[in-house]
Each structure stands twice: as structure tokens, then as C-alpha cells.
Amino acid sequence: MRVIIRNPERILFEGFTRQAILPGEDGEFSVWDFHQTLIAALKKGMVILHSGKTIAPERIEIGSGIATLDRNELMILCL
């Protein structure tokens, strides 16, 4: 899936991944390629992206925000 992580100042990450683990308001959750459409509130924490191309996942620290997933594109807008 395509992933864009953005704060008010800049794009923190733009790329592709097979799995994303997100810090949801109600706890950590995971989304995969071709996951169903969703909108979720996020709390401050770590987004972990598993691309399948490397052993170590990409880790991006975010502030609170929202995540939307539609048509295999995950958009994270955060502080």
C-alpha cells in the first residue's frame, strides 16, 4: 500500500509498505495491503512500517492525529 505521513510542516514519509502498525487511541493496531477502508484517531507514538524488502522495519515517531485508508493508500496526518 502507498503510505504518506505528514505533519503541518512537512512530509515525514512517503513510500510503499505491506504492513503498518499504528498507535491508535484505543491501542496499537495493524493494517495490511488491501485492508478495508478505515478512519482512526491516533495518539502520540511510533508508526512501524514493514515493507518486506528489508529485515528492519521503518520507524517514524508521530504526535496525535488521524489515519485514513482508502483504495490501498494510507494517509496519516499528525502533529
PDB file of N, CA and C in Angstrom:
ATOM      1  N   MET A   1       0.841  -1.177   0.000  1.00  0.00           N
ATOM      2  CA  MET A   1       0.000   0.000   0.000  1.00  0.00           C
ATOM      3  C   MET A   1       0.886   1.239   0.000  1.00  0.00           C
ATOM      4  N   ARG A   2       0.356   2.296  -0.527  1.00  0.00           N
ATOM      5  CA  ARG A   2       1.079   3.573  -0.516  1.00  0.00           C
ATOM      6  C   ARG A   2       0.844   4.236   0.829  1.00  0.00           C
ATOM      7  N   VAL A   3       1.905   4.809   1.411  1.00  0.00           N
ATOM      8  CA  VAL A   3       1.818   5.453   2.725  1.00  0.00           C
ATOM      9  C   VAL A   3       2.355   6.877   2.629  1.00  0.00           C
ATOM     10  N   ILE A   4       1.588   7.814   3.186  1.00  0.00           N
ATOM     11  CA  ILE A   4       2.041   9.202   3.315  1.00  0.00           C
ATOM     12  C   ILE A   4       1.835   9.599   4.770  1.00  0.00           C
ATOM     13  N   ILE A   5       2.908  10.029   5.418  1.00  0.00           N
ATOM     14  CA  ILE A   5       2.830  10.522   6.799  1.00  0.00           C
ATOM     15  C   ILE A   5       3.235  11.986   6.748  1.00  0.00           C
ATOM     16  N   ARG A   6       2.337  12.844   7.220  1.00  0.00           N
ATOM     17  CA  ARG A   6       2.538  14.281   7.081  1.00  0.00           C
ATOM     18  C   ARG A   6       2.201  15.005   8.373  1.00  0.00           C
ATOM     19  N   ASN A   7       3.044  15.975   8.746  1.00  0.00           N
ATOM     20  CA  ASN A   7       2.703  16.882   9.835  1.00  0.00           C
ATOM     21  C   ASN A   7       2.474  18.262   9.217  1.00  0.00           C
ATOM     22  N   PRO A   8       2.110  19.281   9.993  1.00  0.00           N
ATOM     23  CA  PRO A   8       1.821  20.590   9.391  1.00  0.00           C
ATOM     24  C   PRO A   8       3.014  21.213   8.652  1.00  0.00           C
ATOM     25  N   GLU A   9       4.216  20.786   8.964  1.00  0.00           N
ATOM     26  CA  GLU A   9       5.406  21.403   8.384  1.00  0.00           C
ATOM     27  C   GLU A   9       5.952  20.693   7.149  1.00  0.00           C
ATOM     28  N   ARG A  10       5.835  19.344   7.122  1.00  0.00           N
ATOM     29  CA  ARG A  10       6.478  18.616   6.023  1.00  0.00           C
ATOM     30  C   ARG A  10       5.968  17.181   5.938  1.00  0.00           C
ATOM     31  N   ILE A  11       6.361  16.519   4.880  1.00  0.00           N
ATOM     32  CA  ILE A  11       6.090  15.087   4.722  1.00  0.00           C
ATOM     33  C   ILE A  11       7.184  14.333   5.467  1.00  0.00           C
ATOM     34  N   LEU A  12       6.786  13.485   6.418  1.00  0.00           N
ATOM     35  CA  LEU A  12       7.741  12.700   7.199  1.00  0.00           C
ATOM     36  C   LEU A  12       8.138  11.415   6.480  1.00  0.00           C
ATOM     37  N   PHE A  13       7.188  10.854   5.712  1.00  0.00           N
ATOM     38  CA  PHE A  13       7.459   9.615   4.978  1.00  0.00           C
ATOM     39  C   PHE A  13       6.513   9.532   3.797  1.00  0.00           C
ATOM     40  N   GLU A  14       7.026   9.065   2.689  1.00  0.00           N
ATOM     41  CA  GLU A  14       6.201   8.743   1.526  1.00  0.00           C
ATOM     42  C   GLU A  14       6.827   7.541   0.852  1.00  0.00           C
ATOM     43  N   GLY A  15       6.062   6.477   0.734  1.00  0.00           N
ATOM     44  CA  GLY A  15       6.593   5.265   0.141  1.00  0.00           C
ATOM     45  C   GLY A  15       5.563   4.148   0.177  1.00  0.00           C
ATOM     46  N   PHE A  16       6.043   2.933   0.029  1.00  0.00           N
ATOM     47  CA  PHE A  16       5.169   1.767  -0.025  1.00  0.00           C
ATOM     48  C   PHE A  16       5.540   0.778   1.076  1.00  0.00           C
ATOM     49  N   THR A  17       4.527   0.085   1.583  1.00  0.00           N
ATOM     50  CA  THR A  17       4.741  -0.905   2.633  1.00  0.00           C
ATOM     51  C   THR A  17       3.697  -1.998   2.517  1.00  0.00           C
ATOM     52  N   ARG A  18       3.970  -3.133   3.126  1.00  0.00           N
ATOM     53  CA  ARG A  18       2.997  -4.235   3.141  1.00  0.00           C
ATOM     54  C   ARG A  18       2.159  -4.223   4.411  1.00  0.00           C
ATOM     55  N   GLN A  19       2.749  -3.723   5.517  1.00  0.00           N
ATOM     56  CA  GLN A  19       2.052  -3.688   6.803  1.00  0.00           C
ATOM     57  C   GLN A  19       2.449  -2.422   7.544  1.00  0.00           C
ATOM     58  N   ALA A  20       1.464  -1.813   8.202  1.00  0.00           N
ATOM     59  CA  ALA A  20       1.721  -0.650   9.055  1.00  0.00           C
ATOM     60  C   ALA A  20       1.110  -0.908  10.423  1.00  0.00           C
ATOM     61  N   ILE A  21       1.888  -0.661  11.460  1.00  0.00           N
ATOM     62  CA  ILE A  21       1.401  -0.784  12.834  1.00  0.00           C
ATOM     63  C   ILE A  21       1.273   0.642  13.370  1.00  0.00           C
ATOM     64  N   LEU A  22       0.065   0.988  13.834  1.00  0.00           N
ATOM     65  CA  LEU A  22      -0.259   2.365  14.202  1.00  0.00           C
ATOM     66  C   LEU A  22      -0.632   2.481  15.674  1.00  0.00           C
ATOM     67  N   PRO A  23      -0.295   3.621  16.310  1.00  0.00           N
ATOM     68  CA  PRO A  23      -0.645   3.837  17.723  1.00  0.00           C
ATOM     69  C   PRO A  23      -2.050   4.431  17.856  1.00  0.00           C
ATOM     70  N   GLY A  24      -3.058   3.590  17.827  1.00  0.00           N
ATOM     71  CA  GLY A  24      -4.442   4.051  17.903  1.00  0.00           C
ATOM     72  C   GLY A  24      -4.811   4.568  19.283  1.00  0.00           C
ATOM     73  N   GLU A  25      -5.819   5.416  19.342  1.00  0.00           N
ATOM     74  CA  GLU A  25      -6.314   5.945  20.620  1.00  0.00           C
ATOM     75  C   GLU A  25      -6.714   4.819  21.577  1.00  0.00           C
ATOM     76  N   ASP A  26      -7.249   3.730  21.033  1.00  0.00           N
ATOM     77  CA  ASP A  26      -7.698   2.609  21.864  1.00  0.00           C
ATOM     78  C   ASP A  26      -6.688   1.473  21.899  1.00  0.00           C
ATOM     79  N   GLY A  27      -5.485   1.717  21.411  1.00  0.00           N
ATOM     80  CA  GLY A  27      -4.442   0.689  21.406  1.00  0.00           C
ATOM     81  C   GLY A  27      -3.833   0.531  20.033  1.00  0.00           C
ATOM     82  N   GLU A  28      -2.710  -0.144  19.999  1.00  0.00           N
ATOM     83  CA  GLU A  28      -1.986  -0.370  18.764  1.00  0.00           C
ATOM     84  C   GLU A  28      -2.780  -1.289  17.838  1.00  0.00           C
ATOM     85  N   PHE A  29      -2.753  -0.993  16.533  1.00  0.00           N
ATOM     86  CA  PHE A  29      -3.419  -1.860  15.569  1.00  0.00           C
ATOM     87  C   PHE A  29      -2.619  -1.902  14.275  1.00  0.00           C
ATOM     88  N   SER A  30      -2.924  -2.886  13.457  1.00  0.00           N
ATOM     89  CA  SER A  30      -2.165  -3.131  12.244  1.00  0.00           C
ATOM     90  C   SER A  30      -3.079  -3.077  11.024  1.00  0.00           C
ATOM     91  N   VAL A  31      -2.568  -2.546   9.920  1.00  0.00           N
ATOM     92  CA  VAL A  31      -3.267  -2.602   8.638  1.00  0.00           C
ATOM     93  C   VAL A  31      -2.321  -3.204   7.612  1.00  0.00           C
ATOM     94  N   TRP A  32      -2.889  -3.941   6.673  1.00  0.00           N
ATOM     95  CA  TRP A  32      -2.123  -4.653   5.657  1.00  0.00           C
ATOM     96  C   TRP A  32      -2.513  -4.164   4.267  1.00  0.00           C
ATOM     97  N   ASP A  33      -1.732  -4.555   3.282  1.00  0.00           N
ATOM     98  CA  ASP A  33      -2.093  -4.301   1.886  1.00  0.00           C
ATOM     99  C   ASP A  33      -3.553  -4.681   1.651  1.00  0.00           C
ATOM    100  N   PHE A  34      -4.278  -3.843   0.952  1.00  0.00           N
ATOM    101  CA  PHE A  34      -5.666  -4.081   0.556  1.00  0.00           C
ATOM    102  C   PHE A  34      -6.608  -4.261   1.739  1.00  0.00           C
ATOM    103  N   HIS A  35      -6.280  -3.634   2.867  1.00  0.00           N
ATOM    104  CA  HIS A  35      -7.142  -3.625   4.051  1.00  0.00           C
ATOM    105  C   HIS A  35      -8.410  -2.850   3.718  1.00  0.00           C
ATOM    106  N   GLN A  36      -9.481  -3.133   4.442  1.00  0.00           N
ATOM    107  CA  GLN A  36     -10.732  -2.396   4.199  1.00  0.00           C
ATOM    108  C   GLN A  36     -10.570  -0.924   4.570  1.00  0.00           C
ATOM    109  N   THR A  37     -11.409  -0.083   4.039  1.00  0.00           N
ATOM    110  CA  THR A  37     -11.381   1.355   4.301  1.00  0.00           C
ATOM    111  C   THR A  37     -11.543   1.625   5.790  1.00  0.00           C
ATOM    112  N   LEU A  38     -10.796   2.603   6.306  1.00  0.00           N
ATOM    113  CA  LEU A  38     -10.930   2.955   7.720  1.00  0.00           C
ATOM    114  C   LEU A  38     -10.544   4.401   7.965  1.00  0.00           C
ATOM    115  N   ILE A  39     -11.033   4.922   9.075  1.00  0.00           N
ATOM    116  CA  ILE A  39     -10.628   6.211   9.631  1.00  0.00           C
ATOM    117  C   ILE A  39     -10.387   5.952  11.110  1.00  0.00           C
ATOM    118  N   ALA A  40      -9.225   6.381  11.629  1.00  0.00           N
ATOM    119  CA  ALA A  40      -8.896   6.102  13.032  1.00  0.00           C
ATOM    120  C   ALA A  40      -8.161   7.282  13.663  1.00  0.00           C
ATOM    121  N   ALA A  41      -8.459   7.526  14.940  1.00  0.00           N
ATOM    122  CA  ALA A  41      -7.729   8.530  15.721  1.00  0.00           C
ATOM    123  C   ALA A  41      -6.435   7.898  16.225  1.00  0.00           C
ATOM    124  N   LEU A  42      -5.360   8.669  16.172  1.00  0.00           N
ATOM    125  CA  LEU A  42      -4.051   8.183  16.620  1.00  0.00           C
ATOM    126  C   LEU A  42      -3.563   9.007  17.802  1.00  0.00           C
ATOM    127  N   LYS A  43      -2.798   8.350  18.666  1.00  0.00           N
ATOM    128  CA  LYS A  43      -2.158   9.056  19.766  1.00  0.00           C
ATOM    129  C   LYS A  43      -0.664   9.155  19.466  1.00  0.00           C
ATOM    130  N   LYS A  44       0.034   9.950  20.248  1.00  0.00           N
ATOM    131  CA  LYS A  44       1.476  10.086  20.079  1.00  0.00           C
ATOM    132  C   LYS A  44       2.128   8.715  20.227  1.00  0.00           C
ATOM    133  N   GLY A  45       3.031   8.407  19.323  1.00  0.00           N
ATOM    134  CA  GLY A  45       3.702   7.115  19.388  1.00  0.00           C
ATOM    135  C   GLY A  45       4.486   6.826  18.131  1.00  0.00           C
ATOM    136  N   MET A  46       4.747   5.554  17.909  1.00  0.00           N
ATOM    137  CA  MET A  46       5.593   5.106  16.814  1.00  0.00           C
ATOM    138  C   MET A  46       4.751   4.415  15.747  1.00  0.00           C
ATOM    139  N   VAL A  47       4.948   4.824  14.489  1.00  0.00           N
ATOM    140  CA  VAL A  47       4.383   4.103  13.344  1.00  0.00           C
ATOM    141  C   VAL A  47       5.486   3.178  12.851  1.00  0.00           C
ATOM    142  N   ILE A  48       5.155   1.900  12.703  1.00  0.00           N
ATOM    143  CA  ILE A  48       6.130   0.906  12.266  1.00  0.00           C
ATOM    144  C   ILE A  48       5.682   0.377  10.907  1.00  0.00           C
ATOM    145  N   LEU A  49       6.566   0.484   9.923  1.00  0.00           N
ATOM    146  CA  LEU A  49       6.245   0.087   8.550  1.00  0.00           C
ATOM    147  C   LEU A  49       7.118  -1.091   8.135  1.00  0.00           C
ATOM    148  N   HIS A  50       6.474  -2.178   7.733  1.00  0.00           N
ATOM    149  CA  HIS A  50       7.172  -3.382   7.265  1.00  0.00           C
ATOM    150  C   HIS A  50       7.004  -3.470   5.746  1.00  0.00           C
ATOM    151  N   SER A  51       8.078  -3.212   5.037  1.00  0.00           N
ATOM    152  CA  SER A  51       7.991  -3.228   3.573  1.00  0.00           C
ATOM    153  C   SER A  51       8.196  -4.618   2.986  1.00  0.00           C
ATOM    154  N   GLY A  52       8.850  -5.480   3.718  1.00  0.00           N
ATOM    155  CA  GLY A  52       9.172  -6.798   3.187  1.00  0.00           C
ATOM    156  C   GLY A  52      10.472  -6.808   2.397  1.00  0.00           C
ATOM    157  N   LYS A  53      11.033  -5.628   2.124  1.00  0.00           N
ATOM    158  CA  LYS A  53      12.277  -5.534   1.363  1.00  0.00           C
ATOM    159  C   LYS A  53      13.499  -5.587   2.267  1.00  0.00           C
ATOM    160  N   THR A  54      13.335  -5.139   3.513  1.00  0.00           N
ATOM    161  CA  THR A  54      14.439  -5.157   4.465  1.00  0.00           C
ATOM    162  C   THR A  54      14.006  -5.879   5.726  1.00  0.00           C
ATOM    163  N   ILE A  55      14.979  -6.332   6.489  1.00  0.00           N
ATOM    164  CA  ILE A  55      14.671  -7.034   7.732  1.00  0.00           C
ATOM    165  C   ILE A  55      14.161  -6.053   8.781  1.00  0.00           C
ATOM    166  N   ALA A  56      14.813  -4.912   8.905  1.00  0.00           N
ATOM    167  CA  ALA A  56      14.434  -3.927   9.922  1.00  0.00           C
ATOM    168  C   ALA A  56      13.290  -3.047   9.402  1.00  0.00           C
ATOM    169  N   PRO A  57      12.236  -2.905  10.190  1.00  0.00           N
ATOM    170  CA  PRO A  57      11.134  -2.035   9.757  1.00  0.00           C
ATOM    171  C   PRO A  57      11.498  -0.560   9.901  1.00  0.00           C
ATOM    172  N   GLU A  58      10.814   0.255   9.136  1.00  0.00           N
ATOM    173  CA  GLU A  58      10.950   1.720   9.231  1.00  0.00           C
ATOM    174  C   GLU A  58      10.132   2.174  10.433  1.00  0.00           C
ATOM    175  N   ARG A  59      10.699   3.045  11.272  1.00  0.00           N
ATOM    176  CA  ARG A  59      10.006   3.555  12.463  1.00  0.00           C
ATOM    177  C   ARG A  59       9.948   5.076  12.378  1.00  0.00           C
ATOM    178  N   ILE A  60       8.730   5.614  12.525  1.00  0.00           N
ATOM    179  CA  ILE A  60       8.538   7.057  12.459  1.00  0.00           C
ATOM    180  C   ILE A  60       7.720   7.494  13.663  1.00  0.00           C
ATOM    181  N   GLU A  61       8.279   8.401  14.444  1.00  0.00           N
ATOM    182  CA  GLU A  61       7.575   8.917  15.628  1.00  0.00           C
ATOM    183  C   GLU A  61       6.614  10.020  15.190  1.00  0.00           C
ATOM    184  N   ILE A  62       5.375   9.929  15.696  1.00  0.00           N
ATOM    185  CA  ILE A  62       4.361  10.924  15.358  1.00  0.00           C
ATOM    186  C   ILE A  62       3.723  11.482  16.625  1.00  0.00           C
ATOM    187  N   GLY A  63       3.093  12.632  16.481  1.00  0.00           N
ATOM    188  CA  GLY A  63       2.229  13.165  17.524  1.00  0.00           C
ATOM    189  C   GLY A  63       0.825  12.646  17.270  1.00  0.00           C
ATOM    190  N   SER A  64      -0.143  13.117  18.011  1.00  0.00           N
ATOM    191  CA  SER A  64      -1.512  12.665  17.798  1.00  0.00           C
ATOM    192  C   SER A  64      -1.985  13.077  16.404  1.00  0.00           C
ATOM    193  N   GLY A  65      -3.002  12.390  15.906  1.00  0.00           N
ATOM    194  CA  GLY A  65      -3.503  12.706  14.581  1.00  0.00           C
ATOM    195  C   GLY A  65      -4.585  11.752  14.134  1.00  0.00           C
ATOM    196  N   ILE A  66      -4.745  11.639  12.823  1.00  0.00           N
ATOM    197  CA  ILE A  66      -5.727  10.718  12.256  1.00  0.00           C
ATOM    198  C   ILE A  66      -5.083   9.919  11.129  1.00  0.00           C
ATOM    199  N   ALA A  67      -5.644   8.746  10.889  1.00  0.00           N
ATOM    200  CA  ALA A  67      -5.210   7.903   9.780  1.00  0.00           C
ATOM    201  C   ALA A  67      -6.432   7.554   8.947  1.00  0.00           C
ATOM    202  N   THR A  68      -6.283   7.623   7.638  1.00  0.00           N
ATOM    203  CA  THR A  68      -7.337   7.174   6.734  1.00  0.00           C
ATOM    204  C   THR A  68      -6.718   6.165   5.775  1.00  0.00           C
ATOM    205  N   LEU A  69      -7.485   5.152   5.457  1.00  0.00           N
ATOM    206  CA  LEU A  69      -7.043   4.147   4.495  1.00  0.00           C
ATOM    207  C   LEU A  69      -8.160   3.960   3.491  1.00  0.00           C
ATOM    208  N   ASP A  70      -7.862   4.216   2.226  1.00  0.00           N
ATOM    209  CA  ASP A  70      -8.851   4.076   1.170  1.00  0.00           C
ATOM    210  C   ASP A  70      -8.121   3.761  -0.130  1.00  0.00           C
ATOM    211  N   ARG A  71      -8.632   2.791  -0.852  1.00  0.00           N
ATOM    212  CA  ARG A  71      -8.052   2.378  -2.131  1.00  0.00           C
ATOM    213  C   ARG A  71      -6.561   2.069  -2.030  1.00  0.00           C
ATOM    214  N   ASN A  72      -6.205   1.393  -0.962  1.00  0.00           N
ATOM    215  CA  ASN A  72      -4.835   0.949  -0.695  1.00  0.00           C
ATOM    216  C   ASN A  72      -3.850   2.108  -0.516  1.00  0.00           C
ATOM    217  N   GLU A  73      -4.342   3.255  -0.033  1.00  0.00           N
ATOM    218  CA  GLU A  73      -3.479   4.385   0.313  1.00  0.00           C
ATOM    219  C   GLU A  73      -3.740   4.789   1.754  1.00  0.00           C
ATOM    220  N   LEU A  74      -2.697   4.733   2.567  1.00  0.00           N
ATOM    221  CA  LEU A  74      -2.769   5.105   3.971  1.00  0.00           C
ATOM    222  C   LEU A  74      -2.224   6.524   4.112  1.00  0.00           C
ATOM    223  N   MET A  75      -3.081   7.418   4.597  1.00  0.00           N
ATOM    224  CA  MET A  75      -2.694   8.816   4.831  1.00  0.00           C
ATOM    225  C   MET A  75      -2.738   9.054   6.321  1.00  0.00           C
ATOM    226  N   ILE A  76      -1.612   9.505   6.888  1.00  0.00           N
ATOM    227  CA  ILE A  76      -1.542   9.836   8.309  1.00  0.00           C
ATOM    228  C   ILE A  76      -1.250  11.319   8.423  1.00  0.00           C
ATOM    229  N   LEU A  77      -2.156  12.046   9.061  1.00  0.00           N
ATOM    230  CA  LEU A  77      -1.980  13.471   9.317  1.00  0.00           C
ATOM    231  C   LEU A  77      -1.775  13.613  10.818  1.00  0.00           C
ATOM    232  N   CYS A  78      -0.631  14.166  11.215  1.00  0.00           N
ATOM    233  CA  CYS A  78      -0.277  14.185  12.631  1.00  0.00           C
ATOM    234  C   CYS A  78       0.376  15.499  13.021  1.00  0.00           C
ATOM    235  N   LEU A  79       0.535  15.664  14.327  1.00  0.00           N
ATOM    236  CA  LEU A  79       1.236  16.838  14.856  1.00  0.00           C
ATOM    237  C   LEU A  79       2.703  16.519  15.020  1.00  0.00           C
TER     238      LEU A  79
END
